[in-house]
């Protein structure tokens, strides 16, 4: 949707794509980092390790998961009405 806004508001395609990158980079890097951190420690090699991991994960999620911690990720909305300005 952000790319569509850039292409809608900026007639020069090169500037539109540069603006898109500028607008999306910070969030994209943050999403990548969250995914990378979330993946660490979940790889197991043995069936006993897998069993323990699968048994304890729901417990840890109930005890320590904070829904507000990922609110920035799931509550993100693009304001279609707001215009985008060009950047190089």
Protein backbone atom coordinates (compact mmCIF):
# COMPACT_ATOMS: atom_id res chain seq x y z
CA UNK A 1 0.00 0.00 0.00
CA UNK A 2 2.92 2.33 0.71
CA UNK A 3 4.35 1.66 -2.74
CA UNK A 4 0.96 2.38 -4.30
CA UNK A 5 0.82 5.71 -2.45
CA UNK A 6 4.31 6.63 -3.65
CA UNK A 7 3.45 5.81 -7.25
CA UNK A 8 0.16 7.70 -6.93
CA UNK A 9 1.69 10.88 -5.49
CA UNK A 10 5.10 11.05 -7.20
CA UNK A 11 5.15 11.23 -10.97
CA UNK A 12 8.85 10.39 -11.35
CA UNK A 13 9.16 6.61 -10.85
CA UNK A 14 12.78 6.82 -9.64
CA UNK A 15 11.80 9.28 -6.91
CA UNK A 16 8.71 7.23 -6.08
CA UNK A 17 10.81 4.11 -5.47
CA UNK A 18 13.40 6.09 -3.49
CA UNK A 19 10.62 7.50 -1.32
CA UNK A 20 9.17 4.03 -0.84
CA UNK A 21 12.54 2.72 0.33
CA UNK A 22 12.97 5.65 2.70
CA UNK A 23 9.52 5.16 4.18
CA UNK A 24 9.81 1.39 4.57
CA UNK A 25 13.46 0.81 5.52
CA UNK A 26 13.21 1.34 9.29
CA UNK A 27 10.16 -0.91 9.70
CA UNK A 28 11.57 -3.54 7.36
CA UNK A 29 14.86 -3.71 9.26
CA UNK A 30 12.99 -3.96 12.55
CA UNK A 31 10.78 -6.78 11.21
CA UNK A 32 13.84 -8.64 9.94
CA UNK A 33 15.58 -8.31 13.31
CA UNK A 34 12.52 -9.55 15.21
CA UNK A 35 12.25 -12.56 12.92
CA UNK A 36 15.92 -13.36 13.25
CA UNK A 37 15.86 -13.12 17.05
CA UNK A 38 12.66 -15.14 17.24
CA UNK A 39 14.20 -17.94 15.24
CA UNK A 40 17.26 -18.35 17.44
CA UNK A 41 17.17 -21.14 19.97
CA UNK A 42 14.33 -23.03 18.32
CA UNK A 43 16.45 -25.43 16.31
CA UNK A 44 16.75 -28.81 17.95
CA UNK A 45 18.61 -31.88 16.81
CA UNK A 46 17.14 -34.67 18.86
CA UNK A 47 13.63 -35.95 19.41
CA UNK A 48 13.93 -35.46 23.19
CA UNK A 49 14.92 -31.81 22.68
CA UNK A 50 11.98 -31.36 20.33
CA UNK A 51 9.60 -32.94 22.83
CA UNK A 52 10.81 -30.69 25.67
CA UNK A 53 10.65 -27.59 23.48
CA UNK A 54 7.13 -28.39 22.27
CA UNK A 55 5.99 -29.17 25.82
CA UNK A 56 7.39 -26.00 27.41
CA UNK A 57 6.70 -23.42 24.68
CA UNK A 58 2.97 -22.95 25.48
CA UNK A 59 3.80 -22.55 29.17
CA UNK A 60 6.44 -19.90 28.50
CA UNK A 61 4.15 -18.07 26.12
CA UNK A 62 1.39 -17.90 28.73
CA UNK A 63 3.78 -16.71 31.42
CA UNK A 64 6.00 -14.29 29.54
CA UNK A 65 4.34 -13.23 26.29
CA UNK A 66 3.37 -9.57 26.22
CA UNK A 67 0.74 -8.74 23.59
CA UNK A 68 1.75 -5.06 23.68
CA UNK A 69 5.31 -5.97 22.70
CA UNK A 70 4.23 -6.84 19.17
CA UNK A 71 1.46 -4.27 18.89
CA UNK A 72 3.64 -2.12 16.59
CA UNK A 73 3.74 -5.04 14.17
CA UNK A 74 0.08 -6.05 14.08
CA UNK A 75 -1.59 -2.67 14.53
CA UNK A 76 0.26 -0.99 11.66
CA UNK A 77 -2.04 0.93 9.33
CA UNK A 78 -1.27 3.01 6.27
CA UNK A 79 -3.06 6.34 5.98
CA UNK A 80 -4.19 6.29 2.36
CA UNK A 81 -5.38 9.89 2.45
CA UNK A 82 -2.00 11.33 3.47
CA UNK A 83 0.15 12.31 0.49
CA UNK A 84 3.76 11.22 0.07
CA UNK A 85 6.50 13.66 -0.85
CA UNK A 86 9.42 12.79 -3.08
CA UNK A 87 12.87 12.00 -1.75
CA UNK A 88 16.07 11.19 -3.55
